[in-house]
Amino acid sequence: MRLSMKLNYTKHTLFLLSLLFIFLTLAIPCKTKSATFAVRISPPNFELKGKPGDVLKEIITIENADTAPGIYQVRTADWELNKQGGVIIHPPDKPLAASSCRPWTRIERRTFKLLPKRVKRYRFEVHIPGDAQDGEWRFAVVISPAPETIDAMKFGSFNVPVAGAIAVVVYVTVGNAKPELEFKGIVKKKSNGKISLIVNLHNWGKAHARPSGSVIAKDADGRKAELLLSPFPIMPKETRGIRLFADKEISGIENIDELIFPLYLKGLIEWDGGTYKVDTILE
């Protein structure tokens, strides 16, 4: 990538432009001439259960989808969910999170090489301490290019690494910990001219909940549409608004806006260990 610039830029301007370039690099998948990061990994997450003293053994399938050999590095990390349900991986130098079980984990190796189109079954273990309390702990296995394979794009006096990473998130539920959801109502929100229906749920339990289900919406003209619940997890002690969305094949409509309020909503929300029957009118 070559940028044409005037020579009279100040150092301050170059610094600001460099920051902007870094943000764009982090936001957009990149590929360089001599270093790429093209891997397929499954599964995307693990939801494990055990009791104190157990050793949980699992395997991540990693495929080099590139045309060149890849050298990868692996580390564990803590993570959290943002308001949109996206995973935020903590940097290596951040202190352990309160929910972290990284000290319990063992990974197969820190670096490995994989030929093009080859698959590796990467092993990891979780050693639950004998005195572990009932609850849920979490960590992630992060796979990224090894430092020696990462190209750098030179921008003035700055070297900007071009790289990517994939995180496999792991939930570890110990003992009898389970989710306990409380229904907090359904609200109508309007953003960018479009209407959304949000189901508010609070998790009083000691483990995350991943609610599922659908709600039949009957509008003021008698039209019916089946709305689906987005599959976002709700962490312990967290309140989260989860969107009901329309799928053309299932719902018969593409957007909530096609329905005429008030809506009569009736359906069932389910999660591990519980259900809630929805039966309400939304003006």
Protein backbone atom coordinates (compact mmCIF):
# COMPACT_ATOMS: atom_id res chain seq x y z
CA MET A 1 0.00 0.00 0.00
CA ARG A 2 1.54 3.35 -1.02
CA LEU A 3 0.27 6.72 0.14
CA SER A 4 1.22 9.89 -1.70
CA MET A 5 1.79 12.76 0.72
CA LYS A 6 3.16 16.27 0.73
CA LEU A 7 6.46 16.69 2.52
CA ASN A 8 5.25 19.49 4.75
CA TYR A 9 3.24 17.25 7.13
CA THR A 10 4.14 17.87 10.76
CA LYS A 11 5.09 15.05 13.14
CA HIS A 12 1.76 15.57 14.89
CA THR A 13 -0.15 15.03 11.66
CA LEU A 14 1.85 11.90 10.88
CA PHE A 15 1.11 10.55 14.37
CA LEU A 16 -2.65 11.10 13.97
CA LEU A 17 -2.64 9.50 10.53
CA SER A 18 -0.70 6.54 11.92
CA LEU A 19 -3.29 6.02 14.64
CA LEU A 20 -6.06 6.12 12.05
CA PHE A 21 -4.21 3.58 9.92
CA ILE A 22 -3.81 1.25 12.90
CA PHE A 23 -7.54 1.42 13.69
CA LEU A 24 -8.39 0.64 10.07
CA THR A 25 -5.93 -2.25 10.07
CA LEU A 26 -7.55 -3.75 13.15
CA ALA A 27 -11.05 -3.34 11.74
CA ILE A 28 -10.47 -4.77 8.25
CA PRO A 29 -9.11 -8.28 7.47
CA CYS A 30 -5.76 -7.75 5.77
CA LYS A 31 -3.44 -9.76 3.56
CA THR A 32 0.17 -8.98 2.72
CA LYS A 33 2.41 -10.26 -0.04
CA SER A 34 4.40 -12.63 2.15
CA ALA A 35 2.26 -13.22 5.23
CA THR A 36 -1.36 -14.23 5.41
CA PHE A 37 -3.57 -15.63 8.13
CA ALA A 38 -6.11 -17.96 6.59
CA VAL A 39 -7.24 -20.68 8.96
CA ARG A 40 -10.50 -22.50 9.64
CA ILE A 41 -11.20 -23.41 13.24
CA SER A 42 -13.99 -25.47 14.81
CA PRO A 43 -15.85 -25.47 17.05
CA PRO A 44 -16.13 -21.71 17.74
CA ASN A 45 -16.79 -22.30 21.44
CA PHE A 46 -17.00 -24.95 24.15
CA GLU A 47 -19.55 -25.16 26.95
CA LEU A 48 -17.98 -27.59 29.43
CA LYS A 49 -19.27 -29.00 32.71
CA GLY A 50 -17.42 -30.76 35.49
CA LYS A 51 -17.02 -31.20 39.20
CA PRO A 52 -14.10 -30.40 41.51
CA GLY A 53 -11.12 -32.61 40.72
CA ASP A 54 -12.18 -33.36 37.14
CA VAL A 55 -9.84 -33.04 34.16
CA LEU A 56 -11.72 -31.95 31.02
CA LYS A 57 -9.98 -32.80 27.74
CA GLU A 58 -11.03 -31.21 24.44
CA ILE A 59 -9.78 -30.80 20.86
CA ILE A 60 -9.85 -27.80 18.51
CA THR A 61 -9.69 -28.58 14.78
CA ILE A 62 -7.38 -26.14 12.98
CA GLU A 63 -7.00 -26.13 9.18
CA ASN A 64 -4.46 -24.10 7.21
CA ALA A 65 -6.64 -22.76 4.38
CA ASP A 66 -3.74 -20.86 2.80
CA THR A 67 -1.52 -21.91 -0.12
CA ALA A 68 1.65 -21.54 1.96
CA PRO A 69 2.82 -23.17 5.20
CA GLY A 70 1.73 -21.39 8.36
CA ILE A 71 3.46 -20.97 11.71
CA TYR A 72 1.02 -20.21 14.50
CA GLN A 73 1.22 -19.23 18.13
CA VAL A 74 -1.33 -20.15 20.78
CA ARG A 75 -2.10 -18.54 24.12
CA THR A 76 -4.93 -18.41 26.61
CA ALA A 77 -6.74 -15.18 27.37
CA ASP A 78 -9.62 -13.77 29.37
CA TRP A 79 -12.59 -12.31 27.55
CA GLU A 80 -15.87 -10.49 28.04
CA LEU A 81 -18.96 -9.65 26.01
CA ASN A 82 -19.78 -6.11 24.93
CA LYS A 83 -23.31 -4.71 24.74
CA GLN A 84 -23.70 -5.95 21.16
CA GLY A 85 -22.82 -9.52 22.16
CA GLY A 86 -19.34 -9.39 20.62
CA VAL A 87 -16.34 -11.00 22.29
CA ILE A 88 -13.58 -8.71 23.58
CA ILE A 89 -10.26 -10.50 24.17
CA HIS A 90 -8.13 -9.12 27.00
CA PRO A 91 -4.47 -8.31 26.22
CA PRO A 92 -1.77 -10.57 27.73
CA ASP A 93 -0.60 -7.97 30.24
CA LYS A 94 -4.04 -7.44 31.81
CA PRO A 95 -4.58 -8.99 35.28
CA LEU A 96 -6.71 -12.12 35.52
CA ALA A 97 -10.44 -11.49 35.39
CA ALA A 98 -12.57 -12.51 38.38
CA SER A 99 -14.22 -15.17 36.21
CA SER A 100 -10.94 -16.49 34.77
CA CYS A 101 -9.90 -20.13 34.97
CA ARG A 102 -6.72 -19.69 32.92
CA PRO A 103 -4.59 -21.08 35.79
CA TRP A 104 -6.53 -24.35 35.43
CA THR A 105 -5.75 -24.77 31.74
CA ARG A 106 -3.06 -26.70 29.89
CA ILE A 107 -2.47 -26.24 26.15
CA GLU A 108 -0.66 -28.65 23.86
CA ARG A 109 2.07 -26.28 22.67
CA ARG A 110 2.76 -22.58 22.24
CA THR A 111 3.73 -22.68 18.55
CA PHE A 112 3.27 -25.12 15.69
CA LYS A 113 3.65 -25.30 11.92
CA LEU A 114 0.97 -26.47 9.52
CA LEU A 115 1.36 -27.21 5.81
CA PRO A 116 -1.19 -25.89 3.28
CA LYS A 117 -4.61 -27.59 3.40
CA ARG A 118 -3.53 -29.71 6.37
CA VAL A 119 -5.53 -30.12 9.57
CA LYS A 120 -4.29 -30.26 13.16
CA ARG A 121 -6.24 -31.57 16.13
CA TYR A 122 -5.05 -29.23 18.86
CA ARG A 123 -5.54 -30.48 22.42
CA PHE A 124 -6.22 -28.53 25.59
CA GLU A 125 -7.19 -29.52 29.12
CA VAL A 126 -8.96 -27.90 32.06
CA HIS A 127 -7.85 -29.19 35.48
CA ILE A 128 -10.62 -28.19 37.92
CA PRO A 129 -9.16 -27.77 41.44
CA GLY A 130 -10.46 -30.09 44.13
CA ASP A 131 -11.65 -27.12 46.20
CA ALA A 132 -13.37 -25.26 43.33
CA GLN A 133 -16.72 -23.74 44.26
CA ASP A 134 -19.91 -24.13 42.23
CA GLY A 135 -19.93 -21.47 39.53
CA GLU A 136 -18.89 -20.64 36.01
CA TRP A 137 -15.39 -19.75 34.85
CA ARG A 138 -14.18 -18.74 31.42
CA PHE A 139 -11.16 -18.39 29.17
CA ALA A 140 -10.30 -18.37 25.47
CA VAL A 141 -7.75 -20.17 23.32
CA VAL A 142 -6.31 -17.57 20.92
CA ILE A 143 -4.62 -18.66 17.67
CA SER A 144 -2.59 -16.11 15.69
CA PRO A 145 0.38 -15.98 13.30
CA ALA A 146 3.74 -16.44 14.99
CA PRO A 147 5.70 -13.15 15.21
CA GLU A 148 8.29 -14.28 12.67
CA THR A 149 5.60 -14.69 9.99
CA ILE A 150 4.01 -11.28 10.44
CA ASP A 151 4.75 -8.69 7.78
CA ALA A 152 4.98 -5.03 8.66
CA MET A 153 3.83 -2.16 6.52
CA LYS A 154 6.13 0.83 6.88
CA PHE A 155 4.37 4.15 7.29
CA GLY A 156 6.87 6.94 7.67
CA SER A 157 8.90 5.95 10.73
CA PHE A 158 6.20 3.58 12.01
CA ASN A 159 5.98 -0.19 11.41
CA VAL A 160 2.36 -1.34 11.53
CA PRO A 161 1.92 -5.13 11.93
CA VAL A 162 -0.65 -6.71 9.65
CA ALA A 163 -2.06 -9.74 11.42
CA GLY A 164 -5.19 -11.41 12.69
CA ALA A 165 -6.27 -13.77 15.45
CA ILE A 166 -9.08 -16.21 16.11
CA ALA A 167 -10.37 -16.92 19.61
CA VAL A 168 -12.19 -20.06 20.70
CA VAL A 169 -14.15 -19.12 23.82
CA VAL A 170 -14.62 -21.68 26.60
CA TYR A 171 -17.21 -21.75 29.38
CA VAL A 172 -16.50 -24.08 32.32
CA THR A 173 -19.43 -24.74 34.64
CA VAL A 174 -18.48 -26.38 37.95
CA GLY A 175 -20.82 -28.38 40.15
CA ASN A 176 -24.50 -27.44 40.26
CA ALA A 177 -24.16 -23.91 38.90
CA LYS A 178 -26.95 -23.05 36.48
CA PRO A 179 -28.65 -20.02 34.96
CA GLU A 180 -31.79 -18.50 36.44
CA LEU A 181 -33.52 -16.03 34.14
CA GLU A 182 -36.11 -13.42 35.05
CA PHE A 183 -38.27 -11.90 32.30
CA LYS A 184 -38.09 -8.09 32.42
CA GLY A 185 -40.48 -7.29 29.61
CA ILE A 186 -40.44 -6.59 25.87
CA VAL A 187 -39.87 -3.07 24.60
CA LYS A 188 -40.13 -1.40 21.20
CA LYS A 189 -37.12 0.55 19.97
CA LYS A 190 -36.66 2.62 16.84
CA SER A 191 -33.24 3.17 15.30
CA ASN A 192 -32.42 4.57 11.87
CA GLY A 193 -36.11 4.55 11.06
CA LYS A 194 -36.55 0.81 11.79
CA ILE A 195 -38.45 -0.80 14.65
CA SER A 196 -36.89 -3.51 16.84
CA LEU A 197 -38.44 -5.62 19.59
CA ILE A 198 -36.12 -6.25 22.54
CA VAL A 199 -36.67 -8.95 25.18
CA ASN A 200 -35.05 -7.91 28.48
CA LEU A 201 -33.83 -10.78 30.67
CA HIS A 202 -31.83 -10.82 33.91
CA ASN A 203 -29.70 -13.78 34.93
CA TRP A 204 -29.72 -14.33 38.69
CA GLY A 205 -27.90 -17.68 38.40
CA LYS A 206 -24.25 -18.72 38.64
CA ALA A 207 -23.85 -19.83 35.00
CA HIS A 208 -24.53 -18.16 31.67
CA ALA A 209 -27.84 -18.68 29.88
CA ARG A 210 -28.30 -19.01 26.14
CA PRO A 211 -32.05 -18.53 25.68
CA SER A 212 -33.82 -19.62 22.53
CA GLY A 213 -37.38 -19.65 21.30
CA SER A 214 -39.91 -17.80 19.23
CA VAL A 215 -42.88 -15.50 19.70
CA ILE A 216 -45.99 -15.28 17.54
CA ALA A 217 -46.87 -11.65 16.92
CA LYS A 218 -50.47 -10.86 15.93
CA ASP A 219 -50.92 -7.28 14.76
CA ALA A 220 -53.88 -4.88 14.78
CA ASP A 221 -55.05 -6.17 11.37
CA GLY A 222 -54.92 -9.82 12.45
CA ARG A 223 -51.70 -10.60 10.55
CA LYS A 224 -49.45 -13.14 12.27
CA ALA A 225 -45.66 -13.50 12.14
CA GLU A 226 -43.33 -15.82 14.02
CA LEU A 227 -40.40 -13.85 15.46
CA LEU A 228 -37.17 -15.56 16.53
CA LEU A 229 -34.97 -14.83 19.54
CA SER A 230 -31.35 -13.98 18.77
CA PRO A 231 -28.98 -16.57 20.33
CA PHE A 232 -26.92 -14.31 22.60
CA PRO A 233 -25.60 -15.54 25.98
CA ILE A 234 -26.52 -13.78 29.21
CA MET A 235 -23.79 -13.84 31.85
CA PRO A 236 -24.42 -14.35 35.58
CA LYS A 237 -25.78 -11.22 37.31
CA GLU A 238 -26.25 -9.53 33.93
CA THR A 239 -29.32 -7.94 32.35
CA ARG A 240 -29.30 -8.12 28.56
CA GLY A 241 -31.70 -7.02 25.89
CA ILE A 242 -32.05 -9.67 23.18
CA ARG A 243 -33.62 -8.87 19.84
CA LEU A 244 -36.62 -10.60 18.34
CA PHE A 245 -36.10 -10.69 14.59
CA ALA A 246 -38.07 -11.59 11.49
CA ASP A 247 -36.85 -14.24 9.05
CA LYS A 248 -38.61 -14.14 5.68
CA GLU A 249 -38.89 -17.93 5.31
CA ILE A 250 -40.18 -18.49 8.85
CA SER A 251 -41.91 -15.21 9.68
CA GLY A 252 -43.40 -14.36 6.30
CA ILE A 253 -42.12 -10.80 6.74
CA GLU A 254 -38.68 -9.19 6.45
CA ASN A 255 -39.05 -6.41 9.03
CA ILE A 256 -41.04 -5.69 12.18
CA ASP A 257 -42.15 -2.45 10.48
CA GLU A 258 -44.53 -4.47 8.30
CA LEU A 259 -46.70 -5.17 11.37
CA ILE A 260 -49.28 -2.70 12.69
CA PHE A 261 -49.18 -1.96 16.42
CA PRO A 262 -50.44 -2.84 18.97
CA LEU A 263 -49.06 -6.38 18.83
CA TYR A 264 -50.31 -9.38 20.77
CA LEU A 265 -47.23 -11.47 21.59
CA LYS A 266 -47.42 -15.11 22.62
CA GLY A 267 -44.65 -17.70 22.72
CA LEU A 268 -42.06 -19.59 24.73
CA ILE A 269 -38.50 -18.68 25.75
CA GLU A 270 -36.33 -21.62 26.83
CA TRP A 271 -32.90 -22.02 28.42
CA ASP A 272 -30.96 -24.74 30.19
CA GLY A 273 -33.13 -25.55 33.19
CA GLY A 274 -36.03 -23.18 32.61
CA THR A 275 -38.76 -21.70 30.42
CA TYR A 276 -40.89 -18.57 30.32
CA LYS A 277 -44.26 -18.21 28.60
CA VAL A 278 -44.67 -14.89 26.83
CA ASP A 279 -48.23 -13.57 26.78
CA THR A 280 -48.40 -9.78 26.51
CA ILE A 281 -49.60 -6.83 24.43
CA LEU A 282 -47.11 -4.29 23.11
CA GLU A 283 -48.55 -0.89 22.23
